[in-house]
Structure formats: structure tokens, C-alpha cells
PDB file of N, CA and C in Angstrom:
ATOM      1  N   UNK A   1      66.814 -63.890  84.869  1.00  0.00           N
ATOM      2  CA  UNK A   1      66.238 -64.400  83.641  1.00  0.00           C
ATOM      3  C   UNK A   1      65.613 -63.294  82.805  1.00  0.00           C
ATOM      4  N   UNK A   2      65.163 -62.234  83.426  1.00  0.00           N
ATOM      5  CA  UNK A   2      64.511 -61.193  82.636  1.00  0.00           C
ATOM      6  C   UNK A   2      65.275 -59.872  82.671  1.00  0.00           C
ATOM      7  N   UNK A   3      66.561 -59.946  82.951  1.00  0.00           N
ATOM      8  CA  UNK A   3      67.373 -58.737  83.014  1.00  0.00           C
ATOM      9  C   UNK A   3      67.361 -57.950  81.724  1.00  0.00           C
ATOM     10  N   UNK A   4      67.180 -58.628  80.603  1.00  0.00           N
ATOM     11  CA  UNK A   4      67.157 -57.957  79.306  1.00  0.00           C
ATOM     12  C   UNK A   4      65.964 -56.997  79.188  1.00  0.00           C
ATOM     13  N   UNK A   5      64.914 -57.213  79.981  1.00  0.00           N
ATOM     14  CA  UNK A   5      63.721 -56.365  79.869  1.00  0.00           C
ATOM     15  C   UNK A   5      63.812 -55.111  80.734  1.00  0.00           C
ATOM     16  N   UNK A   6      64.923 -54.959  81.436  1.00  0.00           N
ATOM     17  CA  UNK A   6      65.138 -53.793  82.292  1.00  0.00           C
ATOM     18  C   UNK A   6      66.356 -53.012  81.825  1.00  0.00           C
ATOM     19  N   UNK A   7      66.328 -51.707  82.022  1.00  0.00           N
ATOM     20  CA  UNK A   7      67.508 -50.890  81.717  1.00  0.00           C
ATOM     21  C   UNK A   7      68.608 -51.301  82.686  1.00  0.00           C
ATOM     22  N   UNK A   8      69.696 -51.879  82.151  1.00  0.00           N
ATOM     23  CA  UNK A   8      70.741 -52.386  83.033  1.00  0.00           C
ATOM     24  C   UNK A   8      72.141 -52.008  82.579  1.00  0.00           C
ATOM     25  N   UNK A   9      72.258 -51.340  81.455  1.00  0.00           N
ATOM     26  CA  UNK A   9      73.560 -50.918  80.961  1.00  0.00           C
ATOM     27  C   UNK A   9      74.378 -52.026  80.333  1.00  0.00           C
ATOM     28  N   UNK A  10      73.860 -53.243  80.281  1.00  0.00           N
ATOM     29  CA  UNK A  10      74.618 -54.374  79.739  1.00  0.00           C
ATOM     30  C   UNK A  10      74.203 -54.759  78.326  1.00  0.00           C
ATOM     31  N   UNK A  11      73.183 -54.129  77.812  1.00  0.00           N
ATOM     32  CA  UNK A  11      72.675 -54.424  76.464  1.00  0.00           C
ATOM     33  C   UNK A  11      72.337 -55.899  76.295  1.00  0.00           C
ATOM     34  N   UNK A  12      71.704 -56.478  77.313  1.00  0.00           N
ATOM     35  CA  UNK A  12      71.282 -57.877  77.242  1.00  0.00           C
ATOM     36  C   UNK A  12      70.116 -58.010  76.279  1.00  0.00           C
ATOM     37  N   UNK A  13      70.028 -59.184  75.659  1.00  0.00           N
ATOM     38  CA  UNK A  13      68.861 -59.471  74.830  1.00  0.00           C
ATOM     39  C   UNK A  13      68.184 -60.724  75.369  1.00  0.00           C
ATOM     40  N   UNK A  14      67.072 -61.110  74.776  1.00  0.00           N
ATOM     41  CA  UNK A  14      66.256 -62.214  75.298  1.00  0.00           C
ATOM     42  C   UNK A  14      66.977 -63.560  75.277  1.00  0.00           C
ATOM     43  N   UNK A  15      67.955 -63.751  74.413  1.00  0.00           N
ATOM     44  CA  UNK A  15      68.654 -65.039  74.364  1.00  0.00           C
ATOM     45  C   UNK A  15      69.833 -65.121  75.341  1.00  0.00           C
ATOM     46  N   UNK A  16      70.297 -63.999  75.838  1.00  0.00           N
ATOM     47  CA  UNK A  16      71.430 -64.006  76.767  1.00  0.00           C
ATOM     48  C   UNK A  16      71.169 -64.854  78.014  1.00  0.00           C
ATOM     49  N   UNK A  17      70.027 -64.708  78.689  1.00  0.00           N
ATOM     50  CA  UNK A  17      69.818 -65.543  79.873  1.00  0.00           C
ATOM     51  C   UNK A  17      69.682 -67.028  79.530  1.00  0.00           C
ATOM     52  N   UNK A  18      69.135 -67.339  78.378  1.00  0.00           N
ATOM     53  CA  UNK A  18      69.044 -68.740  77.957  1.00  0.00           C
ATOM     54  C   UNK A  18      70.435 -69.309  77.742  1.00  0.00           C
ATOM     55  N   UNK A  19      71.273 -68.551  77.047  1.00  0.00           N
ATOM     56  CA  UNK A  19      72.651 -68.997  76.807  1.00  0.00           C
ATOM     57  C   UNK A  19      73.406 -69.166  78.127  1.00  0.00           C
ATOM     58  N   UNK A  20      73.248 -68.201  79.037  1.00  0.00           N
ATOM     59  CA  UNK A  20      73.928 -68.283  80.332  1.00  0.00           C
ATOM     60  C   UNK A  20      73.472 -69.507  81.113  1.00  0.00           C
ATOM     61  N   UNK A  21      72.172 -69.747  81.170  1.00  0.00           N
ATOM     62  CA  UNK A  21      71.661 -70.887  81.927  1.00  0.00           C
ATOM     63  C   UNK A  21      72.091 -72.214  81.319  1.00  0.00           C
ATOM     64  N   UNK A  22      72.118 -72.305  80.011  1.00  0.00           N
ATOM     65  CA  UNK A  22      72.612 -73.534  79.373  1.00  0.00           C
ATOM     66  C   UNK A  22      74.090 -73.735  79.691  1.00  0.00           C
ATOM     67  N   UNK A  23      74.866 -72.655  79.652  1.00  0.00           N
ATOM     68  CA  UNK A  23      76.288 -72.735  79.993  1.00  0.00           C
ATOM     69  C   UNK A  23      76.448 -73.194  81.445  1.00  0.00           C
ATOM     70  N   UNK A  24      75.670 -72.601  82.351  1.00  0.00           N
ATOM     71  CA  UNK A  24      75.740 -72.953  83.765  1.00  0.00           C
ATOM     72  C   UNK A  24      75.422 -74.435  83.977  1.00  0.00           C
ATOM     73  N   UNK A  25      74.385 -74.930  83.332  1.00  0.00           N
ATOM     74  CA  UNK A  25      74.015 -76.349  83.454  1.00  0.00           C
ATOM     75  C   UNK A  25      75.111 -77.240  82.887  1.00  0.00           C
ATOM     76  N   UNK A  26      75.652 -76.860  81.757  1.00  0.00           N
ATOM     77  CA  UNK A  26      76.722 -77.650  81.131  1.00  0.00           C
ATOM     78  C   UNK A  26      77.956 -77.717  82.042  1.00  0.00           C
ATOM     79  N   UNK A  27      78.309 -76.589  82.639  1.00  0.00           N
ATOM     80  CA  UNK A  27      79.461 -76.555  83.537  1.00  0.00           C
ATOM     81  C   UNK A  27      79.207 -77.405  84.783  1.00  0.00           C
ATOM     82  N   UNK A  28      77.996 -77.373  85.305  1.00  0.00           N
ATOM     83  CA  UNK A  28      77.659 -78.228  86.459  1.00  0.00           C
ATOM     84  C   UNK A  28      77.786 -79.694  86.071  1.00  0.00           C
ATOM     85  N   UNK A  29      77.239 -80.056  84.932  1.00  0.00           N
ATOM     86  CA  UNK A  29      77.309 -81.452  84.487  1.00  0.00           C
ATOM     87  C   UNK A  29      78.750 -81.890  84.231  1.00  0.00           C
ATOM     88  N   UNK A  30      79.579 -80.983  83.720  1.00  0.00           N
ATOM     89  CA  UNK A  30      80.991 -81.306  83.510  1.00  0.00           C
ATOM     90  C   UNK A  30      81.707 -81.625  84.818  1.00  0.00           C
ATOM     91  N   UNK A  31      81.129 -81.177  85.924  1.00  0.00           N
ATOM     92  CA  UNK A  31      81.698 -81.427  87.248  1.00  0.00           C
ATOM     93  C   UNK A  31      80.907 -82.501  88.005  1.00  0.00           C
ATOM     94  N   UNK A  32      80.117 -83.270  87.248  1.00  0.00           N
ATOM     95  CA  UNK A  32      79.277 -84.338  87.817  1.00  0.00           C
ATOM     96  C   UNK A  32      78.313 -83.830  88.875  1.00  0.00           C
ATOM     97  N   UNK A  33      77.785 -82.629  88.661  1.00  0.00           N
ATOM     98  CA  UNK A  33      76.792 -82.049  89.561  1.00  0.00           C
ATOM     99  C   UNK A  33      75.434 -82.020  88.877  1.00  0.00           C
ATOM    100  N   UNK A  34      74.390 -82.161  89.664  1.00  0.00           N
ATOM    101  CA  UNK A  34      73.035 -81.930  89.172  1.00  0.00           C
ATOM    102  C   UNK A  34      72.754 -80.442  89.305  1.00  0.00           C
ATOM    103  N   UNK A  35      71.874 -79.956  88.467  1.00  0.00           N
ATOM    104  CA  UNK A  35      71.563 -78.526  88.502  1.00  0.00           C
ATOM    105  C   UNK A  35      70.058 -78.337  88.331  1.00  0.00           C
ATOM    106  N   UNK A  36      69.510 -77.426  89.147  1.00  0.00           N
ATOM    107  CA  UNK A  36      68.078 -77.175  89.106  1.00  0.00           C
ATOM    108  C   UNK A  36      67.760 -75.764  88.660  1.00  0.00           C
ATOM    109  N   UNK A  37      66.576 -75.629  88.136  1.00  0.00           N
ATOM    110  CA  UNK A  37      66.068 -74.331  87.692  1.00  0.00           C
ATOM    111  C   UNK A  37      65.041 -73.875  88.713  1.00  0.00           C
ATOM    112  N   UNK A  38      65.149 -72.636  89.174  1.00  0.00           N
ATOM    113  CA  UNK A  38      64.272 -72.159  90.251  1.00  0.00           C
ATOM    114  C   UNK A  38      63.424 -70.967  89.819  1.00  0.00           C
ATOM    115  N   UNK A  39      62.111 -71.093  90.092  1.00  0.00           N
ATOM    116  CA  UNK A  39      61.158 -69.986  89.972  1.00  0.00           C
ATOM    117  C   UNK A  39      61.177 -69.276  88.629  1.00  0.00           C
ATOM    118  N   UNK A  40      61.249 -70.008  87.580  1.00  0.00           N
ATOM    119  CA  UNK A  40      61.173 -69.367  86.277  1.00  0.00           C
ATOM    120  C   UNK A  40      60.346 -70.240  85.350  1.00  0.00           C
ATOM    121  N   UNK A  41      59.261 -69.704  84.839  1.00  0.00           N
ATOM    122  CA  UNK A  41      58.331 -70.510  84.053  1.00  0.00           C
ATOM    123  C   UNK A  41      58.482 -70.263  82.556  1.00  0.00           C
ATOM    124  N   UNK A  42      58.601 -69.025  82.151  1.00  0.00           N
ATOM    125  CA  UNK A  42      58.594 -68.693  80.726  1.00  0.00           C
ATOM    126  C   UNK A  42      59.645 -69.453  79.908  1.00  0.00           C
ATOM    127  N   UNK A  43      60.883 -69.578  80.393  1.00  0.00           N
ATOM    128  CA  UNK A  43      61.888 -70.250  79.561  1.00  0.00           C
ATOM    129  C   UNK A  43      61.941 -71.771  79.729  1.00  0.00           C
ATOM    130  N   UNK A  44      61.001 -72.358  80.465  1.00  0.00           N
ATOM    131  CA  UNK A  44      61.059 -73.803  80.699  1.00  0.00           C
ATOM    132  C   UNK A  44      61.153 -74.616  79.406  1.00  0.00           C
ATOM    133  N   UNK A  45      60.357 -74.318  78.394  1.00  0.00           N
ATOM    134  CA  UNK A  45      60.476 -75.132  77.176  1.00  0.00           C
ATOM    135  C   UNK A  45      61.880 -75.108  76.562  1.00  0.00           C
ATOM    136  N   UNK A  46      62.564 -73.979  76.691  1.00  0.00           N
ATOM    137  CA  UNK A  46      63.909 -73.871  76.113  1.00  0.00           C
ATOM    138  C   UNK A  46      64.984 -74.455  77.019  1.00  0.00           C
ATOM    139  N   UNK A  47      64.702 -74.619  78.311  1.00  0.00           N
ATOM    140  CA  UNK A  47      65.746 -75.030  79.254  1.00  0.00           C
ATOM    141  C   UNK A  47      65.554 -76.404  79.878  1.00  0.00           C
ATOM    142  N   UNK A  48      64.394 -77.005  79.717  1.00  0.00           N
ATOM    143  CA  UNK A  48      64.109 -78.270  80.394  1.00  0.00           C
ATOM    144  C   UNK A  48      65.143 -79.353  80.070  1.00  0.00           C
ATOM    145  N   UNK A  49      65.625 -79.383  78.852  1.00  0.00           N
ATOM    146  CA  UNK A  49      66.593 -80.416  78.464  1.00  0.00           C
ATOM    147  C   UNK A  49      67.944 -80.239  79.153  1.00  0.00           C
ATOM    148  N   UNK A  50      68.258 -79.032  79.589  1.00  0.00           N
ATOM    149  CA  UNK A  50      69.561 -78.750  80.188  1.00  0.00           C
ATOM    150  C   UNK A  50      69.601 -78.961  81.693  1.00  0.00           C
ATOM    151  N   UNK A  51      68.446 -78.954  82.350  1.00  0.00           N
ATOM    152  CA  UNK A  51      68.401 -78.998  83.809  1.00  0.00           C
ATOM    153  C   UNK A  51      67.874 -80.332  84.311  1.00  0.00           C
ATOM    154  N   UNK A  52      68.264 -80.688  85.539  1.00  0.00           N
ATOM    155  CA  UNK A  52      67.949 -81.999  86.111  1.00  0.00           C
ATOM    156  C   UNK A  52      66.694 -81.999  86.982  1.00  0.00           C
ATOM    157  N   UNK A  53      66.327 -80.861  87.519  1.00  0.00           N
ATOM    158  CA  UNK A  53      65.141 -80.752  88.362  1.00  0.00           C
ATOM    159  C   UNK A  53      64.711 -79.293  88.400  1.00  0.00           C
ATOM    160  N   UNK A  54      63.528 -79.064  88.956  1.00  0.00           N
ATOM    161  CA  UNK A  54      63.024 -77.700  89.086  1.00  0.00           C
ATOM    162  C   UNK A  54      62.526 -77.487  90.510  1.00  0.00           C
ATOM    163  N   UNK A  55      62.689 -76.255  90.990  1.00  0.00           N
ATOM    164  CA  UNK A  55      62.186 -75.832  92.284  1.00  0.00           C
ATOM    165  C   UNK A  55      61.330 -74.598  92.043  1.00  0.00           C
ATOM    166  N   UNK A  56      60.151 -74.584  92.670  1.00  0.00           N
ATOM    167  CA  UNK A  56      59.291 -73.417  92.524  1.00  0.00           C
ATOM    168  C   UNK A  56      58.674 -73.058  93.865  1.00  0.00           C
ATOM    169  N   UNK A  57      58.538 -71.765  94.078  1.00  0.00           N
ATOM    170  CA  UNK A  57      57.845 -71.263  95.253  1.00  0.00           C
ATOM    171  C   UNK A  57      56.508 -70.692  94.810  1.00  0.00           C
ATOM    172  N   UNK A  58      55.451 -71.217  95.408  1.00  0.00           N
ATOM    173  CA  UNK A  58      54.099 -70.676  95.236  1.00  0.00           C
ATOM    174  C   UNK A  58      53.547 -70.777  93.820  1.00  0.00           C
ATOM    175  N   UNK A  59      53.883 -71.831  93.101  1.00  0.00           N
ATOM    176  CA  UNK A  59      53.337 -71.930  91.743  1.00  0.00           C
ATOM    177  C   UNK A  59      51.828 -72.147  91.756  1.00  0.00           C
ATOM    178  N   UNK A  60      51.293 -72.752  92.816  1.00  0.00           N
ATOM    179  CA  UNK A  60      49.830 -72.869  92.897  1.00  0.00           C
ATOM    180  C   UNK A  60      49.208 -71.503  93.150  1.00  0.00           C
ATOM    181  N   UNK A  61      49.814 -70.720  93.999  1.00  0.00           N
ATOM    182  CA  UNK A  61      49.293 -69.378  94.284  1.00  0.00           C
ATOM    183  C   UNK A  61      49.307 -68.507  93.029  1.00  0.00           C
ATOM    184  N   UNK A  62      50.334 -68.662  92.198  1.00  0.00           N
ATOM    185  CA  UNK A  62      50.460 -67.841  90.990  1.00  0.00           C
ATOM    186  C   UNK A  62      49.950 -68.539  89.728  1.00  0.00           C
ATOM    187  N   UNK A  63      49.377 -69.720  89.920  1.00  0.00           N
ATOM    188  CA  UNK A  63      48.801 -70.486  88.804  1.00  0.00           C
ATOM    189  C   UNK A  63      49.797 -70.714  87.666  1.00  0.00           C
ATOM    190  N   UNK A  64      50.996 -71.179  88.041  1.00  0.00           N
ATOM    191  CA  UNK A  64      52.024 -71.435  87.041  1.00  0.00           C
ATOM    192  C   UNK A  64      52.597 -72.846  87.123  1.00  0.00           C
ATOM    193  N   UNK A  65      51.958 -73.726  87.904  1.00  0.00           N
ATOM    194  CA  UNK A  65      52.489 -75.084  88.077  1.00  0.00           C
ATOM    195  C   UNK A  65      52.453 -75.896  86.781  1.00  0.00           C
ATOM    196  N   UNK A  66      51.475 -75.656  85.930  1.00  0.00           N
ATOM    197  CA  UNK A  66      51.366 -76.443  84.700  1.00  0.00           C
ATOM    198  C   UNK A  66      52.614 -76.343  83.834  1.00  0.00           C
ATOM    199  N   UNK A  67      53.309 -75.223  83.916  1.00  0.00           N
ATOM    200  CA  UNK A  67      54.526 -75.061  83.126  1.00  0.00           C
ATOM    201  C   UNK A  67      55.596 -76.090  83.452  1.00  0.00           C
ATOM    202  N   UNK A  68      55.535 -76.650  84.650  1.00  0.00           N
ATOM    203  CA  UNK A  68      56.551 -77.612  85.085  1.00  0.00           C
ATOM    204  C   UNK A  68      56.264 -79.035  84.626  1.00  0.00           C
ATOM    205  N   UNK A  69      55.149 -79.238  83.949  1.00  0.00           N
ATOM    206  CA  UNK A  69      54.827 -80.584  83.459  1.00  0.00           C
ATOM    207  C   UNK A  69      55.897 -81.095  82.502  1.00  0.00           C
ATOM    208  N   UNK A  70      56.603 -80.191  81.832  1.00  0.00           N
ATOM    209  CA  UNK A  70      57.688 -80.596  80.932  1.00  0.00           C
ATOM    210  C   UNK A  70      58.778 -81.354  81.697  1.00  0.00           C
ATOM    211  N   UNK A  71      59.082 -80.913  82.904  1.00  0.00           N
ATOM    212  CA  UNK A  71      60.061 -81.623  83.729  1.00  0.00           C
ATOM    213  C   UNK A  71      59.533 -82.999  84.104  1.00  0.00           C
ATOM    214  N   UNK A  72      58.289 -83.040  84.542  1.00  0.00           N
ATOM    215  CA  UNK A  72      57.691 -84.321  84.935  1.00  0.00           C
ATOM    216  C   UNK A  72      57.648 -85.284  83.748  1.00  0.00           C
ATOM    217  N   UNK A  73      57.321 -84.804  82.575  1.00  0.00           N
ATOM    218  CA  UNK A  73      57.261 -85.656  81.385  1.00  0.00           C
ATOM    219  C   UNK A  73      58.611 -86.277  81.060  1.00  0.00           C
ATOM    220  N   UNK A  74      59.676 -85.622  81.459  1.00  0.00           N
ATOM    221  CA  UNK A  74      61.021 -86.168  81.247  1.00  0.00           C
ATOM    222  C   UNK A  74      61.518 -86.947  82.462  1.00  0.00           C
ATOM    223  N   UNK A  75      60.643 -87.175  83.429  1.00  0.00           N
ATOM    224  CA  UNK A  75      61.031 -87.932  84.621  1.00  0.00           C
ATOM    225  C   UNK A  75      61.918 -87.156  85.575  1.00  0.00           C
ATOM    226  N   UNK A  76      61.869 -85.828  85.488  1.00  0.00           N
ATOM    227  CA  UNK A  76      62.702 -84.982  86.342  1.00  0.00           C
ATOM    228  C   UNK A  76      61.871 -84.447  87.501  1.00  0.00           C
ATOM    229  N   UNK A  77      62.434 -84.410  88.706  1.00  0.00           N
ATOM    230  CA  UNK A  77      61.684 -83.949  89.879  1.00  0.00           C
ATOM    231  C   UNK A  77      61.282 -82.475  89.797  1.00  0.00           C
ATOM    232  N   UNK A  78      60.096 -82.208  90.321  1.00  0.00           N
ATOM    233  CA  UNK A  78      59.603 -80.842  90.492  1.00  0.00           C
ATOM    234  C   UNK A  78      59.273 -80.692  91.970  1.00  0.00           C
ATOM    235  N   UNK A  79      59.978 -79.782  92.636  1.00  0.00           N
ATOM    236  CA  UNK A  79      59.826 -79.552  94.065  1.00  0.00           C
ATOM    237  C   UNK A  79      59.153 -78.194  94.264  1.00  0.00           C
ATOM    238  N   UNK A  80      58.055 -78.192  95.006  1.00  0.00           N
ATOM    239  CA  UNK A  80      57.273 -76.966  95.184  1.00  0.00           C
ATOM    240  C   UNK A  80      57.158 -76.627  96.659  1.00  0.00           C
ATOM    241  N   UNK A  81      57.381 -75.362  96.979  1.00  0.00           N
ATOM    242  CA  UNK A  81      57.142 -74.845  98.327  1.00  0.00           C
ATOM    243  C   UNK A  81      55.964 -73.882  98.240  1.00  0.00           C
ATOM    244  N   UNK A  82      54.972 -74.110  99.081  1.00  0.00           N
ATOM    245  CA  UNK A  82      53.835 -73.189  99.193  1.00  0.00           C
ATOM    246  C   UNK A  82      53.860 -72.602 100.594  1.00  0.00           C
ATOM    247  N   UNK A  83      53.650 -71.311 100.702  1.00  0.00           N
ATOM    248  CA  UNK A  83      53.698 -70.611 101.980  1.00  0.00           C
ATOM    249  C   UNK A  83      52.270 -70.364 102.463  1.00  0.00           C
ATOM    250  N   UNK A  84      51.670 -71.426 102.985  1.00  0.00           N
ATOM    251  CA  UNK A  84      50.301 -71.403 103.489  1.00  0.00           C
ATOM    252  C   UNK A  84      50.102 -72.623 104.363  1.00  0.00           C
ATOM    253  N   UNK A  85      48.915 -72.735 104.954  1.00  0.00           N
ATOM    254  CA  UNK A  85      48.604 -73.893 105.786  1.00  0.00           C
ATOM    255  C   UNK A  85      48.469 -75.137 104.906  1.00  0.00           C
ATOM    256  N   UNK A  86      48.698 -76.275 105.513  1.00  0.00           N
ATOM    257  CA  UNK A  86      48.573 -77.561 104.817  1.00  0.00           C
ATOM    258  C   UNK A  86      47.201 -77.654 104.152  1.00  0.00           C
ATOM    259  N   UNK A  87      47.200 -78.143 102.918  1.00  0.00           N
ATOM    260  CA  UNK A  87      45.966 -78.222 102.137  1.00  0.00           C
ATOM    261  C   UNK A  87      45.957 -79.549 101.394  1.00  0.00           C
ATOM    262  N   UNK A  88      45.118 -80.484 101.826  1.00  0.00           N
ATOM    263  CA  UNK A  88      45.119 -81.824 101.226  1.00  0.00           C
ATOM    264  C   UNK A  88      44.640 -81.807  99.776  1.00  0.00           C
ATOM    265  N   UNK A  89      43.751 -80.887  99.423  1.00  0.00           N
ATOM    266  CA  UNK A  89      43.309 -80.785  98.021  1.00  0.00           C
ATOM    267  C   UNK A  89      44.475 -80.395  97.125  1.00  0.00           C
ATOM    268  N   UNK A  90      45.278 -79.470  97.596  1.00  0.00           N
ATOM    269  CA  UNK A  90      46.460 -79.062  96.836  1.00  0.00           C
ATOM    270  C   UNK A  90      47.457 -80.219  96.752  1.00  0.00           C
ATOM    271  N   UNK A  91      47.558 -81.001  97.810  1.00  0.00           N
ATOM    272  CA  UNK A  91      48.433 -82.180  97.787  1.00  0.00           C
ATOM    273  C   UNK A  91      47.963 -83.160  96.711  1.00  0.00           C
ATOM    274  N   UNK A  92      46.658 -83.359  96.622  1.00  0.00           N
ATOM    275  CA  UNK A  92      46.121 -84.258  95.601  1.00  0.00           C
ATOM    276  C   UNK A  92      46.494 -83.776  94.201  1.00  0.00           C
ATOM    277  N   UNK A  93      46.406 -82.465  93.967  1.00  0.00           N
ATOM    278  CA  UNK A  93      46.794 -81.895  92.669  1.00  0.00           C
ATOM    279  C   UNK A  93      48.270 -82.163  92.393  1.00  0.00           C
ATOM    280  N   UNK A  94      49.095 -81.955  93.405  1.00  0.00           N
ATOM    281  CA  UNK A  94      50.540 -82.146  93.240  1.00  0.00           C
ATOM    282  C   UNK A  94      50.851 -83.605  92.925  1.00  0.00           C
ATOM    283  N   UNK A  95      50.240 -84.520  93.663  1.00  0.00           N
ATOM    284  CA  UNK A  95      50.486 -85.948  93.435  1.00  0.00           C
ATOM    285  C   UNK A  95      50.053 -86.341  92.022  1.00  0.00           C
ATOM    286  N   UNK A  96      48.873 -85.865  91.606  1.00  0.00           N
ATOM    287  CA  UNK A  96      48.374 -86.157  90.258  1.00  0.00           C
ATOM    288  C   UNK A  96      49.326 -85.629  89.186  1.00  0.00           C
ATOM    289  N   UNK A  97      49.941 -84.490  89.458  1.00  0.00           N
ATOM    290  CA  UNK A  97      50.867 -83.889  88.500  1.00  0.00           C
ATOM    291  C   UNK A  97      52.272 -84.477  88.577  1.00  0.00           C
ATOM    292  N   UNK A  98      52.537 -85.277  89.620  1.00  0.00           N
ATOM    293  CA  UNK A  98      53.859 -85.861  89.787  1.00  0.00           C
ATOM    294  C   UNK A  98      54.848 -84.942  90.478  1.00  0.00           C
ATOM    295  N   UNK A  99      54.354 -83.936  91.197  1.00  0.00           N
ATOM    296  CA  UNK A  99      55.204 -82.970  91.872  1.00  0.00           C
ATOM    297  C   UNK A  99      55.314 -83.307  93.350  1.00  0.00           C
ATOM    298  N   UNK A 100      56.382 -82.841  93.973  1.00  0.00           N
ATOM    299  CA  UNK A 100      56.545 -82.952  95.426  1.00  0.00           C
ATOM    300  C   UNK A 100      56.271 -81.582  96.016  1.00  0.00           C
ATOM    301  N   UNK A 101      55.328 -81.544  96.944  1.00  0.00           N
ATOM    302  CA  UNK A 101      54.869 -80.288  97.514  1.00  0.00           C
ATOM    303  C   UNK A 101      55.113 -80.266  99.020  1.00  0.00           C
ATOM    304  N   UNK A 102      55.580 -79.121  99.487  1.00  0.00           N
ATOM    305  CA  UNK A 102      55.792 -78.920 100.925  1.00  0.00           C
ATOM    306  C   UNK A 102      55.199 -77.566 101.304  1.00  0.00           C
ATOM    307  N   UNK A 103      54.525 -77.539 102.445  1.00  0.00           N
ATOM    308  CA  UNK A 103      53.948 -76.307 102.963  1.00  0.00           C
ATOM    309  C   UNK A 103      54.899 -75.737 103.999  1.00  0.00           C
ATOM    310  N   UNK A 104      55.251 -74.474 103.814  1.00  0.00           N
ATOM    311  CA  UNK A 104      56.244 -73.827 104.678  1.00  0.00           C
ATOM    312  C   UNK A 104      55.658 -72.567 105.308  1.00  0.00           C
ATOM    313  N   UNK A 105      56.265 -72.153 106.416  1.00  0.00           N
ATOM    314  CA  UNK A 105      55.895 -70.886 107.040  1.00  0.00           C
ATOM    315  C   UNK A 105      56.632 -69.767 106.319  1.00  0.00           C
ATOM    316  N   UNK A 106      55.973 -68.637 106.174  1.00  0.00           N
ATOM    317  CA  UNK A 106      56.623 -67.489 105.523  1.00  0.00           C
ATOM    318  C   UNK A 106      57.899 -67.071 106.250  1.00  0.00           C
ATOM    319  N   UNK A 107      57.937 -67.304 107.546  1.00  0.00           N
ATOM    320  CA  UNK A 107      59.124 -66.945 108.329  1.00  0.00           C
ATOM    321  C   UNK A 107      60.288 -67.894 108.035  1.00  0.00           C
ATOM    322  N   UNK A 108      59.988 -69.004 107.362  1.00  0.00           N
ATOM    323  CA  UNK A 108      60.959 -70.055 107.044  1.00  0.00           C
ATOM    324  C   UNK A 108      61.515 -70.729 108.294  1.00  0.00           C
ATOM    325  N   UNK A 109      60.820 -70.579 109.404  1.00  0.00           N
ATOM    326  CA  UNK A 109      61.214 -71.303 110.626  1.00  0.00           C
ATOM    327  C   UNK A 109      60.700 -72.726 110.519  1.00  0.00           C
ATOM    328  N   UNK A 110      61.529 -73.675 110.850  1.00  0.00           N
ATOM    329  CA  UNK A 110      61.140 -75.075 110.755  1.00  0.00           C
ATOM    330  C   UNK A 110      61.400 -75.629 109.362  1.00  0.00           C
ATOM    331  N   UNK A 111      61.009 -76.867 109.174  1.00  0.00           N
ATOM    332  CA  UNK A 111      61.295 -77.543 107.909  1.00  0.00           C
ATOM    333  C   UNK A 111      60.085 -77.657 106.992  1.00  0.00           C
ATOM    334  N   UNK A 112      58.925 -77.251 107.438  1.00  0.00           N
ATOM    335  CA  UNK A 112      57.733 -77.343 106.620  1.00  0.00           C
ATOM    336  C   UNK A 112      57.087 -78.730 106.723  1.00  0.00           C
ATOM    337  N   UNK A 113      55.926 -78.851 106.095  1.00  0.00           N
ATOM    338  CA  UNK A 113      55.163 -80.085 106.138  1.00  0.00           C
ATOM    339  C   UNK A 113      54.936 -80.597 104.721  1.00  0.00           C
ATOM    340  N   UNK A 114      55.503 -81.746 104.394  1.00  0.00           N
ATOM    341  CA  UNK A 114      55.299 -82.293 103.042  1.00  0.00           C
ATOM    342  C   UNK A 114      53.921 -82.952 102.933  1.00  0.00           C
ATOM    343  N   UNK A 115      53.457 -83.088 101.720  1.00  0.00           N
ATOM    344  CA  UNK A 115      52.212 -83.816 101.498  1.00  0.00           C
ATOM    345  C   UNK A 115      52.390 -85.254 101.948  1.00  0.00           C
ATOM    346  N   UNK A 116      51.310 -85.820 102.463  1.00  0.00           N
ATOM    347  CA  UNK A 116      51.350 -87.195 102.959  1.00  0.00           C
ATOM    348  C   UNK A 116      50.800 -88.142 101.922  1.00  0.00           C
TER     349      UNK A 116
END
């Protein structure tokens, strides 16, 4: 999503990743597939209409969960993985926001613990 901000030899600009992601979502929908947006907050306002759900890792840790409210407002699922011990206060925040939260081990062993 931010390849344009790095020297990459492709002469990308800020709209290239938006165009690519919209194309990707359109192609998925043309094949009757759902498509999700993962771990990207800045372009959410421009991409929320094209995607069916969002997945984020550690948005509470990085204080970026509020950006996903656009998905919730459109009735689209927001799935969050946090890599820490189970935290009922954080679960309450997720439920209030309409998000699904699961606590996972950093090693990714096991399936994690969803909010109850």
C-alpha cells in the first residue's frame, strides 16, 4: 500500500495502490468471492466501499482501531487479532465497536482465544 513512498524503480504514485486494490476487489467480486483488506488504515476511507471485510493485527496496540468504524458502519465485519493475554476490558471495547477480537500467541501456535 505504501510502495510509492519508497524508492522502488517502478515510479509508483499515491493512487496506484488504491487503483490496484479496487481492481483486485472487483476481480474477486466478478468471481463471486468476498475480499478483505488487511492491516491498512490510511486508505480505508477510499477503499471501504470496494471490500467486504477487514482484518487487522494489533490495532488496539497501535491505536488504529477507530479507522475501521467505516466498515462497521456499512455492516461489514472487522476481525482483529491481538498478540497478548486475554483482556476483558479490550473485549468490551471491541464489542462496543462491533468488532470481533481474538487474542493470539505471538508464536501463532493454537487457534487463539476469542472474546466471550
